[in-house]
Amino acid sequence: MTLADAGEIFRCWEDNPPAHLMLQTIARMLGWMPRPAPASAPPIEEIAAAAPPGFVVGRGGDLGMPSPLDLDTMRAKNRAQTLAIARRGENAAGG
């Protein structure tokens, strides 16, 4: 966008102001004031240490996550389950 383009847009806004600017003007006429800006920004270290918005951060300790998978234990459980199902099938067919 060039400076001439911006000037053209602003000239158009003089006759047809954007709705959000009209609403803000009406609200101010009725007594609304925007929130004041904070007196001072927090130190950068505090901002960096804060959790991201919308996320929960657990620092240290037990997070309640399951232990890593033990494939040998899982395979043994699967074999035992397969044998139990096969035995039930044999008992049902033979009994």
PDB file of N, CA and C in Angstrom:
ATOM      1  N   MET A   1       0.850  -1.164   0.000  1.00  0.00           N
ATOM      2  CA  MET A   1       0.000   0.000   0.000  1.00  0.00           C
ATOM      3  C   MET A   1       0.896   1.229   0.000  1.00  0.00           C
ATOM      4  N   THR A   2       0.551   2.151  -0.836  1.00  0.00           N
ATOM      5  CA  THR A   2       1.332   3.380  -0.908  1.00  0.00           C
ATOM      6  C   THR A   2       0.697   4.442  -0.021  1.00  0.00           C
ATOM      7  N   LEU A   3       1.413   5.539   0.177  1.00  0.00           N
ATOM      8  CA  LEU A   3       0.896   6.651   0.956  1.00  0.00           C
ATOM      9  C   LEU A   3      -0.344   7.244   0.287  1.00  0.00           C
ATOM     10  N   ALA A   4      -0.369   7.260  -1.030  1.00  0.00           N
ATOM     11  CA  ALA A   4      -1.537   7.766  -1.759  1.00  0.00           C
ATOM     12  C   ALA A   4      -2.756   6.873  -1.511  1.00  0.00           C
ATOM     13  N   ASP A   5      -2.540   5.542  -1.482  1.00  0.00           N
ATOM     14  CA  ASP A   5      -3.636   4.613  -1.190  1.00  0.00           C
ATOM     15  C   ASP A   5      -4.188   4.853   0.213  1.00  0.00           C
ATOM     16  N   ALA A   6      -3.297   5.023   1.176  1.00  0.00           N
ATOM     17  CA  ALA A   6      -3.727   5.285   2.548  1.00  0.00           C
ATOM     18  C   ALA A   6      -4.520   6.588   2.625  1.00  0.00           C
ATOM     19  N   GLY A   7      -4.050   7.618   1.932  1.00  0.00           N
ATOM     20  CA  GLY A   7      -4.770   8.891   1.913  1.00  0.00           C
ATOM     21  C   GLY A   7      -6.160   8.739   1.322  1.00  0.00           C
ATOM     22  N   GLU A   8      -6.283   7.922   0.289  1.00  0.00           N
ATOM     23  CA  GLU A   8      -7.586   7.687  -0.327  1.00  0.00           C
ATOM     24  C   GLU A   8      -8.529   6.988   0.650  1.00  0.00           C
ATOM     25  N   ILE A   9      -8.003   6.004   1.382  1.00  0.00           N
ATOM     26  CA  ILE A   9      -8.826   5.300   2.377  1.00  0.00           C
ATOM     27  C   ILE A   9      -9.280   6.262   3.463  1.00  0.00           C
ATOM     28  N   PHE A  10      -8.374   7.091   3.968  1.00  0.00           N
ATOM     29  CA  PHE A  10      -8.743   8.022   5.036  1.00  0.00           C
ATOM     30  C   PHE A  10      -9.752   9.060   4.546  1.00  0.00           C
ATOM     31  N   ARG A  11      -9.637   9.493   3.300  1.00  0.00           N
ATOM     32  CA  ARG A  11     -10.631  10.433   2.752  1.00  0.00           C
ATOM     33  C   ARG A  11     -12.004   9.760   2.663  1.00  0.00           C
ATOM     34  N   CYS A  12     -12.012   8.501   2.322  1.00  0.00           N
ATOM     35  CA  CYS A  12     -13.266   7.747   2.261  1.00  0.00           C
ATOM     36  C   CYS A  12     -13.862   7.609   3.664  1.00  0.00           C
ATOM     37  N   TRP A  13     -13.004   7.411   4.667  1.00  0.00           N
ATOM     38  CA  TRP A  13     -13.479   7.272   6.049  1.00  0.00           C
ATOM     39  C   TRP A  13     -14.095   8.571   6.575  1.00  0.00           C
ATOM     40  N   GLU A  14     -13.697   9.723   6.024  1.00  0.00           N
ATOM     41  CA  GLU A  14     -14.292  10.980   6.463  1.00  0.00           C
ATOM     42  C   GLU A  14     -15.794  10.992   6.176  1.00  0.00           C
ATOM     43  N   ASP A  15     -16.197  10.441   5.058  1.00  0.00           N
ATOM     44  CA  ASP A  15     -17.618  10.389   4.700  1.00  0.00           C
ATOM     45  C   ASP A  15     -18.300   9.128   5.228  1.00  0.00           C
ATOM     46  N   ASN A  16     -17.559   8.039   5.322  1.00  0.00           N
ATOM     47  CA  ASN A  16     -18.119   6.744   5.736  1.00  0.00           C
ATOM     48  C   ASN A  16     -17.212   6.118   6.801  1.00  0.00           C
ATOM     49  N   PRO A  17     -17.308   6.561   8.049  1.00  0.00           N
ATOM     50  CA  PRO A  17     -16.403   6.022   9.067  1.00  0.00           C
ATOM     51  C   PRO A  17     -16.679   4.540   9.334  1.00  0.00           C
ATOM     52  N   PRO A  18     -15.652   3.789   9.685  1.00  0.00           N
ATOM     53  CA  PRO A  18     -15.834   2.377  10.008  1.00  0.00           C
ATOM     54  C   PRO A  18     -16.748   2.226  11.229  1.00  0.00           C
ATOM     55  N   ALA A  19     -17.483   1.135  11.261  1.00  0.00           N
ATOM     56  CA  ALA A  19     -18.463   0.913  12.334  1.00  0.00           C
ATOM     57  C   ALA A  19     -17.807   0.903  13.714  1.00  0.00           C
ATOM     58  N   HIS A  20     -16.618   0.299  13.845  1.00  0.00           N
ATOM     59  CA  HIS A  20     -15.998   0.224  15.171  1.00  0.00           C
ATOM     60  C   HIS A  20     -15.615   1.614  15.684  1.00  0.00           C
ATOM     61  N   LEU A  21     -15.242   2.519  14.800  1.00  0.00           N
ATOM     62  CA  LEU A  21     -14.924   3.880  15.238  1.00  0.00           C
ATOM     63  C   LEU A  21     -16.186   4.641  15.630  1.00  0.00           C
ATOM     64  N   MET A  22     -17.274   4.422  14.896  1.00  0.00           N
ATOM     65  CA  MET A  22     -18.541   5.067  15.249  1.00  0.00           C
ATOM     66  C   MET A  22     -19.023   4.564  16.609  1.00  0.00           C
ATOM     67  N   LEU A  23     -18.926   3.251  16.842  1.00  0.00           N
ATOM     68  CA  LEU A  23     -19.349   2.680  18.115  1.00  0.00           C
ATOM     69  C   LEU A  23     -18.505   3.220  19.264  1.00  0.00           C
ATOM     70  N   GLN A  24     -17.212   3.333  19.054  1.00  0.00           N
ATOM     71  CA  GLN A  24     -16.337   3.868  20.097  1.00  0.00           C
ATOM     72  C   GLN A  24     -16.695   5.328  20.399  1.00  0.00           C
ATOM     73  N   THR A  25     -16.981   6.105  19.401  1.00  0.00           N
ATOM     74  CA  THR A  25     -17.355   7.511  19.602  1.00  0.00           C
ATOM     75  C   THR A  25     -18.661   7.617  20.385  1.00  0.00           C
ATOM     76  N   ILE A  26     -19.651   6.808  20.022  1.00  0.00           N
ATOM     77  CA  ILE A  26     -20.931   6.828  20.733  1.00  0.00           C
ATOM     78  C   ILE A  26     -20.739   6.389  22.183  1.00  0.00           C
ATOM     79  N   ALA A  27     -19.940   5.338  22.396  1.00  0.00           N
ATOM     80  CA  ALA A  27     -19.701   4.842  23.756  1.00  0.00           C
ATOM     81  C   ALA A  27     -19.014   5.903  24.608  1.00  0.00           C
ATOM     82  N   ARG A  28     -18.060   6.605  24.041  1.00  0.00           N
ATOM     83  CA  ARG A  28     -17.387   7.669  24.799  1.00  0.00           C
ATOM     84  C   ARG A  28     -18.346   8.819  25.111  1.00  0.00           C
ATOM     85  N   MET A  29     -19.259   9.106  24.198  1.00  0.00           N
ATOM     86  CA  MET A  29     -20.248  10.155  24.456  1.00  0.00           C
ATOM     87  C   MET A  29     -21.167   9.752  25.616  1.00  0.00           C
ATOM     88  N   LEU A  30     -21.379   8.449  25.788  1.00  0.00           N
ATOM     89  CA  LEU A  30     -22.230   7.956  26.872  1.00  0.00           C
ATOM     90  C   LEU A  30     -21.459   7.727  28.171  1.00  0.00           C
ATOM     91  N   GLY A  31     -20.166   8.030  28.171  1.00  0.00           N
ATOM     92  CA  GLY A  31     -19.382   7.946  29.400  1.00  0.00           C
ATOM     93  C   GLY A  31     -18.416   6.783  29.506  1.00  0.00           C
ATOM     94  N   TRP A  32     -18.373   5.928  28.499  1.00  0.00           N
ATOM     95  CA  TRP A  32     -17.452   4.799  28.558  1.00  0.00           C
ATOM     96  C   TRP A  32     -16.024   5.282  28.375  1.00  0.00           C
ATOM     97  N   MET A  33     -15.116   4.690  29.146  1.00  0.00           N
ATOM     98  CA  MET A  33     -13.685   4.986  28.997  1.00  0.00           C
ATOM     99  C   MET A  33     -12.936   3.660  28.905  1.00  0.00           C
ATOM    100  N   PRO A  34     -11.944   3.576  28.045  1.00  0.00           N
ATOM    101  CA  PRO A  34     -11.164   2.335  27.974  1.00  0.00           C
ATOM    102  C   PRO A  34     -10.374   2.137  29.253  1.00  0.00           C
ATOM    103  N   ARG A  35     -10.011   0.871  29.518  1.00  0.00           N
ATOM    104  CA  ARG A  35      -9.199   0.573  30.694  1.00  0.00           C
ATOM    105  C   ARG A  35      -7.863   1.285  30.594  1.00  0.00           C
ATOM    106  N   PRO A  36      -7.391   1.833  31.710  1.00  0.00           N
ATOM    107  CA  PRO A  36      -6.068   2.460  31.654  1.00  0.00           C
ATOM    108  C   PRO A  36      -4.980   1.394  31.481  1.00  0.00           C
ATOM    109  N   ALA A  37      -3.938   1.776  30.806  1.00  0.00           N
ATOM    110  CA  ALA A  37      -2.809   0.869  30.611  1.00  0.00           C
ATOM    111  C   ALA A  37      -2.111   0.644  31.946  1.00  0.00           C
ATOM    112  N   PRO A  38      -1.538  -0.529  32.166  1.00  0.00           N
ATOM    113  CA  PRO A  38      -0.818  -0.774  33.419  1.00  0.00           C
ATOM    114  C   PRO A  38       0.307   0.242  33.604  1.00  0.00           C
ATOM    115  N   ALA A  39       0.555   0.582  34.855  1.00  0.00           N
ATOM    116  CA  ALA A  39       1.571   1.593  35.157  1.00  0.00           C
ATOM    117  C   ALA A  39       2.947   1.173  34.643  1.00  0.00           C
ATOM    118  N   SER A  40       3.278  -0.083  34.855  1.00  0.00           N
ATOM    119  CA  SER A  40       4.572  -0.556  34.353  1.00  0.00           C
ATOM    120  C   SER A  40       4.439  -2.018  33.972  1.00  0.00           C
ATOM    121  N   ALA A  41       5.181  -2.407  32.992  1.00  0.00           N
ATOM    122  CA  ALA A  41       5.165  -3.791  32.548  1.00  0.00           C
ATOM    123  C   ALA A  41       5.985  -4.644  33.511  1.00  0.00           C
ATOM    124  N   PRO A  42       5.608  -5.918  33.684  1.00  0.00           N
ATOM    125  CA  PRO A  42       6.408  -6.785  34.550  1.00  0.00           C
ATOM    126  C   PRO A  42       7.785  -7.030  33.947  1.00  0.00           C
ATOM    127  N   PRO A  43       8.755  -7.384  34.777  1.00  0.00           N
ATOM    128  CA  PRO A  43      10.095  -7.655  34.244  1.00  0.00           C
ATOM    129  C   PRO A  43      10.063  -8.823  33.257  1.00  0.00           C
ATOM    130  N   ILE A  44      10.981  -8.807  32.327  1.00  0.00           N
ATOM    131  CA  ILE A  44      11.029  -9.823  31.272  1.00  0.00           C
ATOM    132  C   ILE A  44      11.210 -11.216  31.863  1.00  0.00           C
ATOM    133  N   GLU A  45      11.925 -11.335  32.986  1.00  0.00           N
ATOM    134  CA  GLU A  45      12.135 -12.643  33.616  1.00  0.00           C
ATOM    135  C   GLU A  45      10.807 -13.222  34.078  1.00  0.00           C
ATOM    136  N   GLU A  46       9.927 -12.360  34.609  1.00  0.00           N
ATOM    137  CA  GLU A  46       8.618 -12.814  35.079  1.00  0.00           C
ATOM    138  C   GLU A  46       7.752 -13.262  33.904  1.00  0.00           C
ATOM    139  N   ILE A  47       7.824 -12.541  32.806  1.00  0.00           N
ATOM    140  CA  ILE A  47       7.060 -12.911  31.617  1.00  0.00           C
ATOM    141  C   ILE A  47       7.555 -14.246  31.069  1.00  0.00           C
ATOM    142  N   ALA A  48       8.873 -14.429  31.021  1.00  0.00           N
ATOM    143  CA  ALA A  48       9.450 -15.658  30.486  1.00  0.00           C
ATOM    144  C   ALA A  48       9.133 -16.854  31.373  1.00  0.00           C
ATOM    145  N   ALA A  49       9.013 -16.656  32.684  1.00  0.00           N
ATOM    146  CA  ALA A  49       8.758 -17.758  33.604  1.00  0.00           C
ATOM    147  C   ALA A  49       7.277 -18.128  33.669  1.00  0.00           C
ATOM    148  N   ALA A  50       6.399 -17.267  33.169  1.00  0.00           N
ATOM    149  CA  ALA A  50       4.958 -17.516  33.246  1.00  0.00           C
ATOM    150  C   ALA A  50       4.566 -18.635  32.284  1.00  0.00           C
ATOM    151  N   ALA A  51       3.505 -19.356  32.671  1.00  0.00           N
ATOM    152  CA  ALA A  51       2.988 -20.415  31.808  1.00  0.00           C
ATOM    153  C   ALA A  51       2.323 -19.796  30.585  1.00  0.00           C
ATOM    154  N   PRO A  52       2.389 -20.466  29.446  1.00  0.00           N
ATOM    155  CA  PRO A  52       1.708 -19.958  28.256  1.00  0.00           C
ATOM    156  C   PRO A  52       0.208 -19.877  28.508  1.00  0.00           C
ATOM    157  N   PRO A  53      -0.485 -18.934  27.917  1.00  0.00           N
ATOM    158  CA  PRO A  53      -1.925 -18.816  28.135  1.00  0.00           C
ATOM    159  C   PRO A  53      -2.658 -20.080  27.707  1.00  0.00           C
ATOM    160  N   GLY A  54      -3.528 -20.559  28.569  1.00  0.00           N
ATOM    161  CA  GLY A  54      -4.331 -21.724  28.237  1.00  0.00           C
ATOM    162  C   GLY A  54      -3.667 -23.057  28.522  1.00  0.00           C
ATOM    163  N   PHE A  55      -2.453 -23.048  29.041  1.00  0.00           N
ATOM    164  CA  PHE A  55      -1.748 -24.287  29.335  1.00  0.00           C
ATOM    165  C   PHE A  55      -1.475 -24.379  30.823  1.00  0.00           C
ATOM    166  N   VAL A  56      -1.474 -25.603  31.333  1.00  0.00           N
ATOM    167  CA  VAL A  56      -1.109 -25.848  32.717  1.00  0.00           C
ATOM    168  C   VAL A  56       0.295 -26.423  32.707  1.00  0.00           C
ATOM    169  N   VAL A  57       1.144 -25.860  33.516  1.00  0.00           N
ATOM    170  CA  VAL A  57       2.532 -26.310  33.556  1.00  0.00           C
ATOM    171  C   VAL A  57       2.808 -26.877  34.931  1.00  0.00           C
ATOM    172  N   GLY A  58       3.285 -28.121  34.989  1.00  0.00           N
ATOM    173  CA  GLY A  58       3.668 -28.742  36.249  1.00  0.00           C
ATOM    174  C   GLY A  58       5.177 -28.706  36.363  1.00  0.00           C
ATOM    175  N   ARG A  59       5.658 -28.128  37.422  1.00  0.00           N
ATOM    176  CA  ARG A  59       7.110 -28.013  37.596  1.00  0.00           C
ATOM    177  C   ARG A  59       7.586 -29.085  38.574  1.00  0.00           C
ATOM    178  N   GLY A  60       8.355 -30.041  38.074  1.00  0.00           N
ATOM    179  CA  GLY A  60       8.936 -31.073  38.907  1.00  0.00           C
ATOM    180  C   GLY A  60       7.877 -31.986  39.506  1.00  0.00           C
ATOM    181  N   GLY A  61       8.331 -32.979  40.254  1.00  0.00           N
ATOM    182  CA  GLY A  61       7.406 -33.874  40.921  1.00  0.00           C
ATOM    183  C   GLY A  61       6.749 -34.845  39.956  1.00  0.00           C
ATOM    184  N   ASP A  62       5.770 -35.604  40.484  1.00  0.00           N
ATOM    185  CA  ASP A  62       5.069 -36.605  39.703  1.00  0.00           C
ATOM    186  C   ASP A  62       3.942 -35.947  38.925  1.00  0.00           C
ATOM    187  N   LEU A  63       3.948 -36.109  37.620  1.00  0.00           N
ATOM    188  CA  LEU A  63       2.918 -35.512  36.779  1.00  0.00           C
ATOM    189  C   LEU A  63       1.730 -36.448  36.587  1.00  0.00           C
ATOM    190  N   GLY A  64       1.800 -37.658  37.149  1.00  0.00           N
ATOM    191  CA  GLY A  64       0.707 -38.596  36.996  1.00  0.00           C
ATOM    192  C   GLY A  64       0.718 -39.317  35.662  1.00  0.00           C
ATOM    193  N   MET A  65       1.811 -39.256  34.962  1.00  0.00           N
ATOM    194  CA  MET A  65       1.906 -39.923  33.666  1.00  0.00           C
ATOM    195  C   MET A  65       2.265 -41.393  33.886  1.00  0.00           C
ATOM    196  N   PRO A  66       1.800 -42.283  33.009  1.00  0.00           N
ATOM    197  CA  PRO A  66       2.166 -43.697  33.149  1.00  0.00           C
ATOM    198  C   PRO A  66       3.654 -43.895  32.849  1.00  0.00           C
ATOM    199  N   SER A  67       4.173 -44.973  33.399  1.00  0.00           N
ATOM    200  CA  SER A  67       5.586 -45.260  33.142  1.00  0.00           C
ATOM    201  C   SER A  67       5.746 -45.660  31.672  1.00  0.00           C
ATOM    202  N   PRO A  68       6.966 -45.565  31.162  1.00  0.00           N
ATOM    203  CA  PRO A  68       7.189 -45.949  29.762  1.00  0.00           C
ATOM    204  C   PRO A  68       6.773 -47.397  29.522  1.00  0.00           C
ATOM    205  N   LEU A  69       6.398 -47.702  28.293  1.00  0.00           N
ATOM    206  CA  LEU A  69       5.912 -49.032  27.958  1.00  0.00           C
ATOM    207  C   LEU A  69       7.009 -50.080  28.101  1.00  0.00           C
ATOM    208  N   ASP A  70       6.635 -51.205  28.730  1.00  0.00           N
ATOM    209  CA  ASP A  70       7.529 -52.357  28.830  1.00  0.00           C
ATOM    210  C   ASP A  70       6.992 -53.394  27.856  1.00  0.00           C
ATOM    211  N   LEU A  71       7.593 -53.476  26.682  1.00  0.00           N
ATOM    212  CA  LEU A  71       7.070 -54.324  25.613  1.00  0.00           C
ATOM    213  C   LEU A  71       7.051 -55.798  25.984  1.00  0.00           C
ATOM    214  N   ASP A  72       8.064 -56.268  26.714  1.00  0.00           N
ATOM    215  CA  ASP A  72       8.096 -57.690  27.091  1.00  0.00           C
ATOM    216  C   ASP A  72       6.928 -58.030  28.015  1.00  0.00           C
ATOM    217  N   THR A  73       6.629 -57.168  28.956  1.00  0.00           N
ATOM    218  CA  THR A  73       5.499 -57.403  29.863  1.00  0.00           C
ATOM    219  C   THR A  73       4.188 -57.387  29.086  1.00  0.00           C
ATOM    220  N   MET A  74       4.058 -56.448  28.150  1.00  0.00           N
ATOM    221  CA  MET A  74       2.834 -56.378  27.345  1.00  0.00           C
ATOM    222  C   MET A  74       2.668 -57.631  26.493  1.00  0.00           C
ATOM    223  N   ARG A  75       3.752 -58.134  25.910  1.00  0.00           N
ATOM    224  CA  ARG A  75       3.675 -59.350  25.094  1.00  0.00           C
ATOM    225  C   ARG A  75       3.286 -60.551  25.946  1.00  0.00           C
ATOM    226  N   ALA A  76       3.827 -60.631  27.155  1.00  0.00           N
ATOM    227  CA  ALA A  76       3.488 -61.746  28.055  1.00  0.00           C
ATOM    228  C   ALA A  76       2.002 -61.690  28.419  1.00  0.00           C
ATOM    229  N   LYS A  77       1.487 -60.510  28.702  1.00  0.00           N
ATOM    230  CA  LYS A  77       0.058 -60.375  29.023  1.00  0.00           C
ATOM    231  C   LYS A  77      -0.793 -60.764  27.822  1.00  0.00           C
ATOM    232  N   ASN A  78      -0.375 -60.369  26.619  1.00  0.00           N
ATOM    233  CA  ASN A  78      -1.121 -60.723  25.413  1.00  0.00           C
ATOM    234  C   ASN A  78      -1.131 -62.230  25.188  1.00  0.00           C
ATOM    235  N   ARG A  79       0.009 -62.895  25.420  1.00  0.00           N
ATOM    236  CA  ARG A  79       0.071 -64.352  25.270  1.00  0.00           C
ATOM    237  C   ARG A  79      -0.851 -65.030  26.270  1.00  0.00           C
ATOM    238  N   ALA A  80      -0.825 -64.559  27.518  1.00  0.00           N
ATOM    239  CA  ALA A  80      -1.687 -65.145  28.551  1.00  0.00           C
ATOM    240  C   ALA A  80      -3.160 -64.950  28.185  1.00  0.00           C
ATOM    241  N   GLN A  81      -3.516 -63.784  27.699  1.00  0.00           N
ATOM    242  CA  GLN A  81      -4.901 -63.513  27.302  1.00  0.00           C
ATOM    243  C   GLN A  81      -5.298 -64.394  26.120  1.00  0.00           C
ATOM    244  N   THR A  82      -4.405 -64.577  25.162  1.00  0.00           N
ATOM    245  CA  THR A  82      -4.686 -65.418  24.001  1.00  0.00           C
ATOM    246  C   THR A  82      -4.917 -66.855  24.434  1.00  0.00           C
ATOM    247  N   LEU A  83      -4.074 -67.350  25.354  1.00  0.00           N
ATOM    248  CA  LEU A  83      -4.253 -68.716  25.862  1.00  0.00           C
ATOM    249  C   LEU A  83      -5.570 -68.864  26.611  1.00  0.00           C
ATOM    250  N   ALA A  84      -5.929 -67.868  27.412  1.00  0.00           N
ATOM    251  CA  ALA A  84      -7.184 -67.935  28.173  1.00  0.00           C
ATOM    252  C   ALA A  84      -8.375 -67.972  27.225  1.00  0.00           C
ATOM    253  N   ILE A  85      -8.330 -67.183  26.157  1.00  0.00           N
ATOM    254  CA  ILE A  85      -9.429 -67.173  25.184  1.00  0.00           C
ATOM    255  C   ILE A  85      -9.498 -68.516  24.456  1.00  0.00           C
ATOM    256  N   ALA A  86      -8.346 -69.072  24.106  1.00  0.00           N
ATOM    257  CA  ALA A  86      -8.305 -70.365  23.411  1.00  0.00           C
ATOM    258  C   ALA A  86      -8.863 -71.461  24.315  1.00  0.00           C
ATOM    259  N   ARG A  87      -8.546 -71.435  25.594  1.00  0.00           N
ATOM    260  CA  ARG A  87      -9.052 -72.450  26.533  1.00  0.00           C
ATOM    261  C   ARG A  87     -10.569 -72.333  26.668  1.00  0.00           C
ATOM    262  N   ARG A  88     -11.078 -71.121  26.714  1.00  0.00           N
ATOM    263  CA  ARG A  88     -12.533 -70.936  26.798  1.00  0.00           C
ATOM    264  C   ARG A  88     -13.209 -71.498  25.562  1.00  0.00           C
ATOM    265  N   GLY A  89     -12.583 -71.300  24.403  1.00  0.00           N
ATOM    266  CA  GLY A  89     -13.140 -71.827  23.156  1.00  0.00           C
ATOM    267  C   GLY A  89     -13.134 -73.343  23.143  1.00  0.00           C
ATOM    268  N   GLU A  90     -12.055 -73.976  23.661  1.00  0.00           N
ATOM    269  CA  GLU A  90     -11.984 -75.432  23.717  1.00  0.00           C
ATOM    270  C   GLU A  90     -13.025 -75.981  24.692  1.00  0.00           C
ATOM    271  N   ASN A  91     -13.189 -75.331  25.838  1.00  0.00           N
ATOM    272  CA  ASN A  91     -14.156 -75.783  26.829  1.00  0.00           C
ATOM    273  C   ASN A  91     -15.583 -75.659  26.293  1.00  0.00           C
ATOM    274  N   ALA A  92     -15.851 -74.576  25.556  1.00  0.00           N
ATOM    275  CA  ALA A  92     -17.187 -74.389  25.027  1.00  0.00           C
ATOM    276  C   ALA A  92     -17.500 -75.396  23.930  1.00  0.00           C
ATOM    277  N   ALA A  93     -16.518 -75.720  23.106  1.00  0.00           N
ATOM    278  CA  ALA A  93     -16.727 -76.657  21.999  1.00  0.00           C
ATOM    279  C   ALA A  93     -16.799 -78.097  22.513  1.00  0.00           C
ATOM    280  N   GLY A  94     -16.027 -78.405  23.515  1.00  0.00           N
ATOM    281  CA  GLY A  94     -15.970 -79.779  24.012  1.00  0.00           C
ATOM    282  C   GLY A  94     -16.969 -80.040  25.131  1.00  0.00           C
ATOM    283  N   GLY A  95     -17.494 -79.023  25.744  1.00  0.00           N
ATOM    284  CA  GLY A  95     -18.276 -79.287  26.926  1.00  0.00           C
ATOM    285  C   GLY A  95     -19.690 -79.067  26.808  1.00  0.00           C
TER     286      GLY A  95
END
